[in-house]
Amino acid sequence: MTKQIPNLITLLNLFFGCLAILSAVEASTLFTMDENGGTVIIPIPTSIFYASLYIGLAGLMDFLDGYAARFFKVSSEMGKQLDSLADVVSFGVAPAFIVFQFLKYSNSSEIGALSISNIWLYAAFLIPMAGAYRLARFNIDAEQTTYFKGVPIPMIGILTAAFPLIYWNSNSPIIHSLFKTPLFWYAYILLVSILMIMKVPMLALKRLGNKKQLILPLLIVVLEVVATAYFYNWLAIPFGFIGYCLVSLLYKKTITQ
């Protein structure tokens, strides 16, 4: 029975991913008419917060299934494949729907918004496509045992889940204006997709081993995240992500040793 505990936790990852998709789909931008017959844009409701919450819970399950596998000393090819399938849903498809809704909202402020085709919103689904490709490559690559090639998809999922929290908890006009700009979302989709499929060595936090050279830069990143969280709340997540990428790029040789 204990052999199945990691798989059950992985399935909880998938379950929360499904709930995140449902929450993101329900939080849709709507158009209505005012009393003068003009078009009124109703913003994405704050219920999209639940999508962020569920992705966060999926991330917790993704961490715990690996911990449980090591604790019970069980490992299987089925568990590896199941983990990848759950990750595609929770950190690929679910975040894509968050981006889809923000992209829809940002396009709604453009001139002629009602005539904009939904095909321009489908760019959001490049994220799970890139994520699925990355996971498939990871599953057949024997080199990725102490480091990753490309940014892991759970990090992209958590990063994307931070955006609704940042948007509705910020009073900054700069952030609100940025999130209402379609170009920002198209650039984000392209950037995170490239980060996932690239073959650049990236740090595996679970496999630090004796790489003492990384202790100081990682400590700086942690302090950066804590300071940002204190002053700017959820902006700490993208700042931490940027810090992780910089450490990985600056210490490529150390990571692959």
Protein backbone atom coordinates (compact mmCIF):
# COMPACT_ATOMS: atom_id res chain seq x y z
CA MET A 1 0.00 0.00 0.00
CA THR A 2 2.83 2.41 0.85
CA LYS A 3 4.11 2.02 -2.72
CA GLN A 4 1.00 3.78 -3.98
CA ILE A 5 1.15 6.77 -1.62
CA PRO A 6 3.39 8.87 -3.94
CA ASN A 7 1.07 8.09 -6.86
CA LEU A 8 -1.98 9.12 -4.83
CA ILE A 9 -0.30 12.42 -3.98
CA THR A 10 0.51 12.90 -7.68
CA LEU A 11 -3.16 12.36 -8.50
CA LEU A 12 -4.02 15.09 -5.98
CA ASN A 13 -1.69 17.31 -7.99
CA LEU A 14 -3.80 16.51 -11.06
CA PHE A 15 -7.04 17.05 -9.11
CA PHE A 16 -6.03 20.54 -8.01
CA GLY A 17 -4.91 21.29 -11.56
CA CYS A 18 -8.40 20.43 -12.81
CA LEU A 19 -9.96 22.70 -10.18
CA ALA A 20 -7.60 25.49 -11.26
CA ILE A 21 -8.75 25.12 -14.88
CA LEU A 22 -12.39 25.21 -13.80
CA SER A 23 -11.82 28.36 -11.71
CA ALA A 24 -9.94 30.11 -14.52
CA VAL A 25 -12.60 29.26 -17.12
CA GLU A 26 -15.38 30.56 -14.87
CA ALA A 27 -13.53 33.85 -14.32
CA SER A 28 -14.26 35.30 -17.74
CA THR A 29 -14.27 38.87 -19.04
CA LEU A 30 -17.75 39.85 -20.17
CA PHE A 31 -19.29 42.55 -22.34
CA THR A 32 -22.61 44.19 -21.51
CA MET A 33 -24.57 47.35 -22.37
CA ASP A 34 -25.03 50.45 -20.23
CA GLU A 35 -28.26 52.41 -20.03
CA ASN A 36 -27.24 54.48 -23.05
CA GLY A 37 -26.57 51.44 -25.20
CA GLY A 38 -22.79 51.70 -24.94
CA THR A 39 -20.49 48.74 -24.47
CA VAL A 40 -19.22 48.14 -20.96
CA ILE A 41 -16.32 45.79 -20.24
CA ILE A 42 -16.64 43.78 -17.03
CA PRO A 43 -13.14 42.87 -15.72
CA ILE A 44 -12.04 39.35 -14.85
CA PRO A 45 -13.72 38.61 -11.49
CA THR A 46 -11.55 38.08 -8.45
CA SER A 47 -12.70 34.43 -8.36
CA ILE A 48 -9.67 33.74 -10.56
CA PHE A 49 -7.82 33.88 -7.22
CA TYR A 50 -9.00 30.30 -6.75
CA ALA A 51 -7.09 29.23 -9.85
CA SER A 52 -3.92 30.61 -8.27
CA LEU A 53 -4.73 28.86 -4.99
CA TYR A 54 -5.28 25.50 -6.66
CA ILE A 55 -2.09 25.77 -8.70
CA GLY A 56 -0.25 26.51 -5.46
CA LEU A 57 -1.77 23.39 -3.87
CA ALA A 58 -0.81 21.39 -6.95
CA GLY A 59 2.75 22.66 -6.51
CA LEU A 60 2.71 21.47 -2.90
CA MET A 61 1.55 18.02 -4.02
CA ASP A 62 4.27 17.97 -6.68
CA PHE A 63 6.85 18.53 -3.96
CA LEU A 64 5.31 16.03 -1.55
CA ASP A 65 5.05 13.14 -4.04
CA GLY A 66 8.81 13.25 -4.62
CA TYR A 67 9.43 13.49 -0.89
CA ALA A 68 7.08 10.55 -0.25
CA ALA A 69 8.82 8.47 -2.93
CA ARG A 70 12.19 9.06 -1.26
CA PHE A 71 10.78 8.49 2.24
CA PHE A 72 9.20 5.15 1.36
CA LYS A 73 12.10 4.31 -0.97
CA VAL A 74 9.81 3.58 -3.89
CA SER A 75 10.35 4.60 -7.49
CA SER A 76 8.71 3.40 -10.68
CA GLU A 77 8.46 4.30 -14.34
CA MET A 78 4.70 4.60 -13.91
CA GLY A 79 5.16 7.16 -11.14
CA LYS A 80 7.50 9.18 -13.36
CA GLN A 81 5.04 9.20 -16.26
CA LEU A 82 2.08 9.95 -14.00
CA ASP A 83 3.95 12.90 -12.50
CA SER A 84 4.60 14.35 -15.96
CA LEU A 85 0.97 13.95 -17.02
CA ALA A 86 -0.22 15.72 -13.86
CA ASP A 87 2.35 18.50 -14.35
CA VAL A 88 1.14 19.21 -17.89
CA VAL A 89 -2.36 19.83 -16.57
CA SER A 90 -1.55 21.69 -13.34
CA PHE A 91 1.41 23.79 -14.52
CA GLY A 92 0.75 23.95 -18.25
CA VAL A 93 -2.95 23.90 -19.11
CA ALA A 94 -4.24 25.62 -15.95
CA PRO A 95 -1.79 28.57 -16.16
CA ALA A 96 -2.57 28.86 -19.88
CA PHE A 97 -6.21 29.56 -19.01
CA ILE A 98 -5.13 32.28 -16.58
CA VAL A 99 -3.08 33.88 -19.36
CA PHE A 100 -6.01 33.35 -21.77
CA GLN A 101 -8.33 35.33 -19.49
CA PHE A 102 -5.83 38.15 -18.98
CA LEU A 103 -5.17 38.24 -22.71
CA LYS A 104 -8.91 38.43 -23.34
CA TYR A 105 -9.24 41.24 -20.80
CA SER A 106 -6.30 43.18 -22.24
CA ASN A 107 -7.65 42.84 -25.78
CA SER A 108 -11.09 44.00 -24.62
CA SER A 109 -9.69 47.47 -24.01
CA GLU A 110 -8.55 47.76 -27.63
CA ILE A 111 -10.54 49.63 -30.28
CA GLY A 112 -13.00 47.27 -31.96
CA ALA A 113 -12.72 44.74 -29.12
CA LEU A 114 -16.01 43.05 -29.96
CA SER A 115 -14.76 42.17 -33.42
CA ILE A 116 -11.43 40.69 -32.27
CA SER A 117 -11.29 37.00 -33.11
CA ASN A 118 -10.63 34.48 -30.33
CA ILE A 119 -7.87 33.02 -32.47
CA TRP A 120 -5.55 35.74 -31.10
CA LEU A 121 -6.17 34.38 -27.61
CA TYR A 122 -5.14 30.85 -28.52
CA ALA A 123 -1.50 31.90 -28.26
CA ALA A 124 -1.86 31.17 -24.53
CA PHE A 125 -1.90 27.44 -25.28
CA LEU A 126 1.67 27.59 -26.50
CA ILE A 127 2.57 27.33 -22.80
CA PRO A 128 1.24 23.76 -22.24
CA MET A 129 2.57 22.73 -25.66
CA ALA A 130 6.09 23.84 -24.72
CA GLY A 131 5.67 22.32 -21.27
CA ALA A 132 4.60 18.94 -22.67
CA TYR A 133 7.58 18.94 -25.04
CA ARG A 134 9.93 19.73 -22.17
CA LEU A 135 8.53 16.97 -19.95
CA ALA A 136 8.72 14.40 -22.75
CA ARG A 137 12.37 15.32 -23.33
CA PHE A 138 13.06 15.14 -19.59
CA ASN A 139 11.60 11.63 -19.36
CA ILE A 140 13.99 10.23 -21.95
CA ASP A 141 17.08 12.27 -21.01
CA ALA A 142 19.40 10.36 -18.66
CA GLU A 143 21.59 13.45 -18.13
CA GLN A 144 18.97 15.38 -16.15
CA THR A 145 19.62 13.76 -12.81
CA THR A 146 21.50 16.55 -10.98
CA TYR A 147 20.28 19.50 -13.04
CA PHE A 148 17.55 20.49 -15.49
CA LYS A 149 17.71 21.46 -19.13
CA GLY A 150 15.38 24.39 -19.42
CA VAL A 151 13.18 25.83 -16.69
CA PRO A 152 10.97 23.19 -15.00
CA ILE A 153 7.29 23.53 -15.84
CA PRO A 154 6.16 23.76 -12.16
CA MET A 155 8.13 27.00 -11.84
CA ILE A 156 6.34 28.43 -14.87
CA GLY A 157 3.01 27.36 -13.38
CA ILE A 158 3.69 29.00 -10.02
CA LEU A 159 5.00 32.15 -11.72
CA THR A 160 1.84 32.45 -13.83
CA ALA A 161 -0.39 31.76 -10.82
CA ALA A 162 1.13 34.81 -9.12
CA PHE A 163 -0.26 37.23 -11.71
CA PRO A 164 -3.90 37.34 -10.50
CA LEU A 165 -2.64 37.84 -6.94
CA ILE A 166 -0.30 40.63 -8.04
CA TYR A 167 -2.97 42.36 -10.13
CA TRP A 168 -5.72 42.51 -7.52
CA ASN A 169 -3.44 43.25 -4.56
CA SER A 170 -1.55 46.08 -6.20
CA ASN A 171 -2.49 49.75 -6.37
CA SER A 172 0.30 50.49 -8.82
CA PRO A 173 -0.99 52.11 -12.03
CA ILE A 174 2.12 50.78 -13.79
CA ILE A 175 1.22 47.16 -13.01
CA HIS A 176 -2.44 47.66 -13.93
CA SER A 177 -1.47 49.30 -17.21
CA LEU A 178 1.05 46.55 -17.98
CA PHE A 179 -1.46 43.77 -17.34
CA LYS A 180 -3.93 45.48 -19.67
CA THR A 181 -1.39 45.51 -22.51
CA PRO A 182 -1.77 42.58 -24.96
CA LEU A 183 1.88 42.86 -26.02
CA PHE A 184 2.97 42.07 -22.45
CA TRP A 185 1.08 38.78 -22.48
CA TYR A 186 2.28 37.75 -25.94
CA ALA A 187 5.86 38.48 -24.87
CA TYR A 188 5.33 36.50 -21.66
CA ILE A 189 3.95 33.49 -23.55
CA LEU A 190 6.91 33.50 -25.92
CA LEU A 191 9.46 33.99 -23.14
CA VAL A 192 8.30 31.21 -20.81
CA SER A 193 7.84 28.80 -23.72
CA ILE A 194 11.43 29.39 -24.82
CA LEU A 195 12.68 29.06 -21.24
CA MET A 196 11.08 25.61 -20.98
CA ILE A 197 12.31 24.13 -24.24
CA MET A 198 15.82 25.56 -24.21
CA LYS A 199 18.67 23.18 -23.32
CA VAL A 200 20.56 25.55 -21.02
CA PRO A 201 21.45 23.87 -17.67
CA MET A 202 19.24 25.09 -14.85
CA LEU A 203 19.64 24.51 -11.14
CA ALA A 204 17.77 21.58 -9.56
CA LEU A 205 17.05 22.76 -6.02
CA LYS A 206 16.61 19.20 -4.77
CA ARG A 207 20.07 18.20 -5.98
CA LEU A 208 22.40 20.84 -4.59
CA GLY A 209 24.78 18.28 -3.09
CA ASN A 210 28.20 19.70 -2.24
CA LYS A 211 28.03 22.70 -4.56
CA LYS A 212 29.11 25.22 -1.93
CA GLN A 213 29.68 27.90 -4.56
CA LEU A 214 25.90 28.22 -4.91
CA ILE A 215 25.18 28.85 -1.22
CA LEU A 216 25.88 32.60 -1.27
CA PRO A 217 24.03 33.45 -4.52
CA LEU A 218 21.03 31.37 -3.44
CA LEU A 219 21.05 33.08 -0.05
CA ILE A 220 21.01 36.45 -1.84
CA VAL A 221 18.00 35.30 -3.89
CA VAL A 222 16.19 34.19 -0.72
CA LEU A 223 16.86 37.55 0.95
CA GLU A 224 15.67 39.30 -2.20
CA VAL A 225 12.43 37.31 -2.14
CA VAL A 226 11.84 38.03 1.57
CA ALA A 227 12.48 41.75 1.12
CA THR A 228 10.24 41.94 -1.96
CA ALA A 229 7.48 40.02 -0.16
CA TYR A 230 7.65 42.47 2.75
CA PHE A 231 7.37 45.57 0.58
CA TYR A 232 5.52 44.35 -2.53
CA ASN A 233 3.72 41.13 -1.51
CA TRP A 234 3.22 38.73 -4.42
CA LEU A 235 5.79 40.43 -6.63
CA ALA A 236 8.25 38.32 -4.64
CA ILE A 237 7.40 35.33 -6.85
CA PRO A 238 8.52 36.84 -10.20
CA PHE A 239 11.53 38.42 -8.48
CA GLY A 240 12.47 35.03 -7.03
CA PHE A 241 12.01 33.44 -10.46
CA ILE A 242 14.32 36.01 -12.06
CA GLY A 243 16.87 35.37 -9.32
CA TYR A 244 16.72 31.61 -9.92
CA CYS A 245 17.28 32.09 -13.66
CA LEU A 246 20.22 34.46 -13.09
CA VAL A 247 21.94 32.09 -10.65
CA SER A 248 21.45 29.19 -13.07
CA LEU A 249 22.87 31.14 -16.01
CA LEU A 250 25.81 32.59 -14.09
CA TYR A 251 26.82 29.26 -12.55
CA LYS A 252 26.23 26.90 -15.48
CA LYS A 253 29.54 25.09 -15.08
CA THR A 254 29.02 24.56 -11.35
CA ILE A 255 25.51 23.20 -11.92
CA THR A 256 26.63 20.52 -14.38
CA GLN A 257 29.48 19.22 -12.24
